[in-house]
Amino acid sequence: MIDLEVIHRLQQTLNQRKGAAPESSYVASLYAKGTDTICKKVAEEAAETIMAAKDGDRLHLVREVTDLWFHSLVLLTHCGVGVDDVMAEFRRREGVSGIDEKNSRSQEQA
């Protein structure tokens, strides 16, 4: 089970970095560069996660997924979305077939 307290503490730190000087932290520098840069970082980490999975190295995969989650949290925080928002969506989807859930999103967009 995911220790949500760790994720919440990380989110709190990410929120604190929003107002920090770009040279003071890596996250503050990402925020200063904006959405495009943060999105590129998420995409880079997603690609590295895929490569790690294909390599079959469990530890490498765990490390890359951690990087992906971290940068995804940076993006969420940058966009004003919180961990609790994502968890609420997971709860909404719990017990719903993936096919049914995807179909419901298609109907909402139509």
N, C-alpha and C. Protein backbone atom coordinates (compact mmCIF):
# COMPACT_ATOMS: atom_id res chain seq x y z
N MET A 1 0.84 -1.19 0.00
CA MET A 1 0.00 0.00 0.00
C MET A 1 0.88 1.25 0.00
N ILE A 2 0.48 2.24 -0.74
CA ILE A 2 1.26 3.48 -0.83
C ILE A 2 1.11 4.26 0.47
N ASP A 3 2.22 4.74 0.97
CA ASP A 3 2.22 5.56 2.17
C ASP A 3 1.86 6.99 1.74
N LEU A 4 0.57 7.31 1.83
CA LEU A 4 0.12 8.63 1.37
C LEU A 4 0.69 9.77 2.18
N GLU A 5 1.13 9.50 3.40
CA GLU A 5 1.74 10.56 4.20
C GLU A 5 3.01 11.07 3.52
N VAL A 6 3.79 10.16 2.94
CA VAL A 6 5.00 10.56 2.23
C VAL A 6 4.63 11.43 1.04
N ILE A 7 3.63 11.01 0.30
CA ILE A 7 3.19 11.77 -0.87
C ILE A 7 2.67 13.15 -0.46
N HIS A 8 1.90 13.20 0.63
CA HIS A 8 1.39 14.49 1.11
C HIS A 8 2.53 15.40 1.57
N ARG A 9 3.54 14.84 2.24
CA ARG A 9 4.69 15.65 2.65
C ARG A 9 5.43 16.18 1.42
N LEU A 10 5.57 15.33 0.42
CA LEU A 10 6.22 15.76 -0.81
C LEU A 10 5.42 16.88 -1.46
N GLN A 11 4.11 16.73 -1.53
CA GLN A 11 3.27 17.78 -2.11
C GLN A 11 3.42 19.08 -1.34
N GLN A 12 3.51 19.00 -0.03
CA GLN A 12 3.70 20.20 0.79
C GLN A 12 5.02 20.89 0.43
N THR A 13 6.06 20.10 0.27
CA THR A 13 7.36 20.65 -0.12
C THR A 13 7.28 21.28 -1.50
N LEU A 14 6.63 20.59 -2.44
CA LEU A 14 6.48 21.13 -3.79
C LEU A 14 5.72 22.45 -3.78
N ASN A 15 4.69 22.54 -2.96
CA ASN A 15 3.94 23.80 -2.83
C ASN A 15 4.82 24.92 -2.28
N GLN A 16 5.67 24.58 -1.32
CA GLN A 16 6.57 25.59 -0.75
C GLN A 16 7.57 26.10 -1.78
N ARG A 17 7.97 25.23 -2.70
CA ARG A 17 8.95 25.61 -3.73
C ARG A 17 8.35 26.54 -4.79
N LYS A 18 7.01 26.61 -4.85
CA LYS A 18 6.38 27.45 -5.87
C LYS A 18 6.80 28.91 -5.76
N GLY A 19 6.99 29.40 -4.58
CA GLY A 19 7.37 30.80 -4.39
C GLY A 19 8.85 31.02 -4.22
N ALA A 20 9.63 29.96 -4.34
CA ALA A 20 11.08 30.08 -4.11
C ALA A 20 11.80 30.61 -5.34
N ALA A 21 12.96 31.16 -5.10
CA ALA A 21 13.80 31.64 -6.20
C ALA A 21 14.27 30.45 -7.04
N PRO A 22 14.26 30.58 -8.35
CA PRO A 22 14.63 29.47 -9.24
C PRO A 22 16.00 28.86 -8.94
N GLU A 23 16.94 29.69 -8.49
CA GLU A 23 18.28 29.16 -8.20
C GLU A 23 18.36 28.44 -6.85
N SER A 24 17.27 28.48 -6.07
CA SER A 24 17.29 27.88 -4.74
C SER A 24 16.99 26.38 -4.74
N SER A 25 16.33 25.88 -5.78
CA SER A 25 16.04 24.45 -5.82
C SER A 25 15.71 24.00 -7.24
N TYR A 26 15.88 22.73 -7.46
CA TYR A 26 15.57 22.13 -8.76
C TYR A 26 14.10 22.35 -9.11
N VAL A 27 13.21 22.09 -8.14
CA VAL A 27 11.78 22.22 -8.39
C VAL A 27 11.42 23.68 -8.67
N ALA A 28 11.96 24.59 -7.91
CA ALA A 28 11.69 26.02 -8.15
C ALA A 28 12.15 26.41 -9.55
N SER A 29 13.26 25.83 -10.01
CA SER A 29 13.73 26.16 -11.37
C SER A 29 12.78 25.59 -12.42
N LEU A 30 12.20 24.41 -12.17
CA LEU A 30 11.20 23.86 -13.10
C LEU A 30 9.97 24.75 -13.15
N TYR A 31 9.47 25.17 -11.98
CA TYR A 31 8.30 26.05 -11.94
C TYR A 31 8.57 27.33 -12.72
N ALA A 32 9.76 27.88 -12.57
CA ALA A 32 10.10 29.14 -13.24
C ALA A 32 10.13 28.97 -14.76
N LYS A 33 10.49 27.79 -15.22
CA LYS A 33 10.56 27.52 -16.67
C LYS A 33 9.19 27.27 -17.27
N GLY A 34 8.23 26.90 -16.42
CA GLY A 34 6.85 26.80 -16.89
C GLY A 34 6.38 25.41 -17.29
N THR A 35 5.13 25.38 -17.72
CA THR A 35 4.42 24.14 -18.01
C THR A 35 5.11 23.31 -19.09
N ASP A 36 5.54 23.94 -20.17
CA ASP A 36 6.16 23.17 -21.26
C ASP A 36 7.38 22.39 -20.77
N THR A 37 8.23 23.04 -20.00
CA THR A 37 9.44 22.38 -19.50
C THR A 37 9.07 21.24 -18.55
N ILE A 38 8.10 21.47 -17.68
CA ILE A 38 7.69 20.43 -16.75
C ILE A 38 7.09 19.25 -17.52
N CYS A 39 6.27 19.53 -18.52
CA CYS A 39 5.69 18.46 -19.34
C CYS A 39 6.76 17.66 -20.07
N LYS A 40 7.78 18.34 -20.59
CA LYS A 40 8.87 17.64 -21.26
C LYS A 40 9.60 16.72 -20.29
N LYS A 41 9.75 17.17 -19.06
CA LYS A 41 10.41 16.35 -18.04
C LYS A 41 9.57 15.11 -17.73
N VAL A 42 8.26 15.27 -17.62
CA VAL A 42 7.37 14.12 -17.39
C VAL A 42 7.49 13.13 -18.55
N ALA A 43 7.49 13.65 -19.77
CA ALA A 43 7.61 12.78 -20.95
C ALA A 43 8.95 12.04 -20.95
N GLU A 44 10.00 12.74 -20.61
CA GLU A 44 11.33 12.12 -20.53
C GLU A 44 11.34 10.99 -19.51
N GLU A 45 10.76 11.25 -18.35
CA GLU A 45 10.73 10.23 -17.30
C GLU A 45 9.85 9.05 -17.70
N ALA A 46 8.77 9.32 -18.43
CA ALA A 46 7.90 8.23 -18.91
C ALA A 46 8.67 7.35 -19.88
N ALA A 47 9.44 7.96 -20.77
CA ALA A 47 10.24 7.19 -21.73
C ALA A 47 11.29 6.36 -21.00
N GLU A 48 11.93 6.93 -20.00
CA GLU A 48 12.93 6.19 -19.22
C GLU A 48 12.29 5.04 -18.46
N THR A 49 11.06 5.24 -18.00
CA THR A 49 10.33 4.16 -17.32
C THR A 49 10.08 3.01 -18.28
N ILE A 50 9.67 3.32 -19.49
CA ILE A 50 9.42 2.29 -20.50
C ILE A 50 10.70 1.52 -20.80
N MET A 51 11.79 2.24 -20.97
CA MET A 51 13.07 1.57 -21.26
C MET A 51 13.50 0.67 -20.10
N ALA A 52 13.30 1.15 -18.88
CA ALA A 52 13.66 0.33 -17.71
C ALA A 52 12.82 -0.94 -17.65
N ALA A 53 11.54 -0.82 -17.96
CA ALA A 53 10.66 -1.99 -17.97
C ALA A 53 11.14 -3.01 -19.01
N LYS A 54 11.53 -2.52 -20.17
CA LYS A 54 12.00 -3.41 -21.24
C LYS A 54 13.33 -4.05 -20.88
N ASP A 55 14.14 -3.37 -20.06
CA ASP A 55 15.43 -3.92 -19.64
C ASP A 55 15.27 -5.09 -18.67
N GLY A 56 14.11 -5.12 -17.99
CA GLY A 56 13.85 -6.20 -17.04
C GLY A 56 14.58 -6.04 -15.71
N ASP A 57 15.13 -4.86 -15.46
CA ASP A 57 15.84 -4.60 -14.21
C ASP A 57 14.86 -3.98 -13.22
N ARG A 58 14.45 -4.76 -12.23
CA ARG A 58 13.41 -4.34 -11.28
C ARG A 58 13.77 -3.04 -10.55
N LEU A 59 15.00 -2.96 -10.04
CA LEU A 59 15.42 -1.77 -9.29
C LEU A 59 15.44 -0.54 -10.19
N HIS A 60 15.93 -0.71 -11.40
CA HIS A 60 15.95 0.41 -12.35
C HIS A 60 14.52 0.88 -12.63
N LEU A 61 13.61 -0.07 -12.80
CA LEU A 61 12.21 0.27 -13.05
C LEU A 61 11.63 1.05 -11.87
N VAL A 62 11.87 0.58 -10.66
CA VAL A 62 11.35 1.27 -9.47
C VAL A 62 11.89 2.69 -9.41
N ARG A 63 13.16 2.86 -9.69
CA ARG A 63 13.76 4.20 -9.63
C ARG A 63 13.18 5.12 -10.70
N GLU A 64 12.98 4.60 -11.89
CA GLU A 64 12.41 5.43 -12.95
C GLU A 64 10.95 5.78 -12.69
N VAL A 65 10.18 4.83 -12.15
CA VAL A 65 8.78 5.14 -11.80
C VAL A 65 8.74 6.20 -10.70
N THR A 66 9.67 6.12 -9.77
CA THR A 66 9.75 7.14 -8.72
C THR A 66 10.01 8.51 -9.34
N ASP A 67 10.94 8.57 -10.29
CA ASP A 67 11.19 9.83 -10.99
C ASP A 67 9.95 10.31 -11.73
N LEU A 68 9.25 9.38 -12.37
CA LEU A 68 8.02 9.73 -13.11
C LEU A 68 6.96 10.26 -12.16
N TRP A 69 6.74 9.57 -11.07
CA TRP A 69 5.75 10.04 -10.09
C TRP A 69 6.14 11.41 -9.55
N PHE A 70 7.42 11.58 -9.22
CA PHE A 70 7.88 12.85 -8.69
C PHE A 70 7.58 13.99 -9.66
N HIS A 71 7.98 13.83 -10.91
CA HIS A 71 7.78 14.89 -11.88
C HIS A 71 6.29 15.08 -12.22
N SER A 72 5.51 14.01 -12.14
CA SER A 72 4.06 14.14 -12.31
C SER A 72 3.48 14.97 -11.17
N LEU A 73 3.98 14.76 -9.96
CA LEU A 73 3.52 15.57 -8.82
C LEU A 73 3.93 17.03 -8.98
N VAL A 74 5.11 17.26 -9.52
CA VAL A 74 5.53 18.64 -9.81
C VAL A 74 4.54 19.28 -10.77
N LEU A 75 4.19 18.55 -11.82
CA LEU A 75 3.22 19.06 -12.81
C LEU A 75 1.86 19.33 -12.16
N LEU A 76 1.37 18.38 -11.40
CA LEU A 76 0.08 18.56 -10.73
C LEU A 76 0.09 19.79 -9.84
N THR A 77 1.14 19.92 -9.04
CA THR A 77 1.24 21.06 -8.12
C THR A 77 1.32 22.37 -8.90
N HIS A 78 2.08 22.36 -9.98
CA HIS A 78 2.20 23.55 -10.83
C HIS A 78 0.82 23.96 -11.37
N CYS A 79 -0.01 22.98 -11.66
CA CYS A 79 -1.34 23.23 -12.22
C CYS A 79 -2.42 23.40 -11.16
N GLY A 80 -2.03 23.37 -9.89
CA GLY A 80 -2.99 23.57 -8.82
C GLY A 80 -3.84 22.35 -8.51
N VAL A 81 -3.36 21.19 -8.89
CA VAL A 81 -4.07 19.94 -8.61
C VAL A 81 -3.32 19.21 -7.51
N GLY A 82 -4.07 18.62 -6.58
CA GLY A 82 -3.44 17.95 -5.46
C GLY A 82 -3.54 16.44 -5.51
N VAL A 83 -2.76 15.83 -4.66
CA VAL A 83 -2.78 14.38 -4.51
C VAL A 83 -4.19 13.89 -4.18
N ASP A 84 -4.89 14.62 -3.34
CA ASP A 84 -6.25 14.21 -2.96
C ASP A 84 -7.19 14.21 -4.15
N ASP A 85 -6.96 15.10 -5.11
CA ASP A 85 -7.77 15.09 -6.34
C ASP A 85 -7.56 13.80 -7.12
N VAL A 86 -6.31 13.38 -7.22
CA VAL A 86 -5.98 12.15 -7.93
C VAL A 86 -6.54 10.94 -7.18
N MET A 87 -6.41 10.95 -5.87
CA MET A 87 -6.92 9.83 -5.08
C MET A 87 -8.44 9.74 -5.18
N ALA A 88 -9.12 10.88 -5.24
CA ALA A 88 -10.58 10.87 -5.41
C ALA A 88 -10.95 10.23 -6.75
N GLU A 89 -10.17 10.49 -7.77
CA GLU A 89 -10.44 9.88 -9.08
C GLU A 89 -10.19 8.37 -9.03
N PHE A 90 -9.13 7.95 -8.32
CA PHE A 90 -8.90 6.51 -8.15
C PHE A 90 -10.08 5.86 -7.43
N ARG A 91 -10.57 6.54 -6.38
CA ARG A 91 -11.72 5.99 -5.65
C ARG A 91 -12.94 5.91 -6.56
N ARG A 92 -13.14 6.93 -7.40
CA ARG A 92 -14.28 6.92 -8.31
C ARG A 92 -14.19 5.74 -9.28
N ARG A 93 -12.99 5.44 -9.71
CA ARG A 93 -12.80 4.36 -10.68
C ARG A 93 -12.75 2.97 -10.07
N GLU A 94 -12.56 2.90 -8.76
CA GLU A 94 -12.42 1.60 -8.12
C GLU A 94 -13.65 0.73 -8.39
N GLY A 95 -13.40 -0.48 -8.84
CA GLY A 95 -14.48 -1.42 -9.10
C GLY A 95 -15.16 -1.22 -10.44
N VAL A 96 -14.71 -0.23 -11.22
CA VAL A 96 -15.29 0.03 -12.53
C VAL A 96 -14.38 -0.60 -13.57
N SER A 97 -14.97 -1.34 -14.49
CA SER A 97 -14.18 -1.95 -15.56
C SER A 97 -13.46 -0.86 -16.34
N GLY A 98 -12.23 -1.14 -16.74
CA GLY A 98 -11.46 -0.19 -17.53
C GLY A 98 -12.17 0.18 -18.82
N ILE A 99 -12.81 -0.79 -19.42
CA ILE A 99 -13.54 -0.54 -20.67
C ILE A 99 -14.71 0.41 -20.41
N ASP A 100 -15.47 0.14 -19.33
CA ASP A 100 -16.61 1.00 -19.00
C ASP A 100 -16.15 2.42 -18.64
N GLU A 101 -15.05 2.52 -17.90
CA GLU A 101 -14.56 3.83 -17.49
C GLU A 101 -14.11 4.63 -18.71
N LYS A 102 -13.40 3.99 -19.61
CA LYS A 102 -12.94 4.68 -20.82
C LYS A 102 -14.13 5.10 -21.68
N ASN A 103 -15.12 4.23 -21.80
CA ASN A 103 -16.32 4.58 -22.58
C ASN A 103 -17.05 5.77 -21.96
N SER A 104 -17.09 5.85 -20.64
CA SER A 104 -17.79 6.96 -19.99
C SER A 104 -17.08 8.28 -20.28
N ARG A 105 -15.76 8.25 -20.38
CA ARG A 105 -15.00 9.48 -20.69
C ARG A 105 -15.27 9.89 -22.13
N SER A 106 -15.39 8.94 -23.04
CA SER A 106 -15.68 9.24 -24.45
C SER A 106 -17.03 9.92 -24.58
N GLN A 107 -18.01 9.43 -23.81
CA GLN A 107 -19.37 9.99 -23.87
C GLN A 107 -19.40 11.40 -23.27
N GLU A 108 -18.59 11.65 -22.24
CA GLU A 108 -18.53 12.98 -21.62
C GLU A 108 -17.95 14.01 -22.58
N GLN A 109 -17.01 13.58 -23.42
CA GLN A 109 -16.32 14.50 -24.33
C GLN A 109 -17.15 14.77 -25.58
N ALA A 110 -18.12 13.91 -25.85
CA ALA A 110 -18.92 14.07 -27.08
C ALA A 110 -19.91 15.20 -26.99
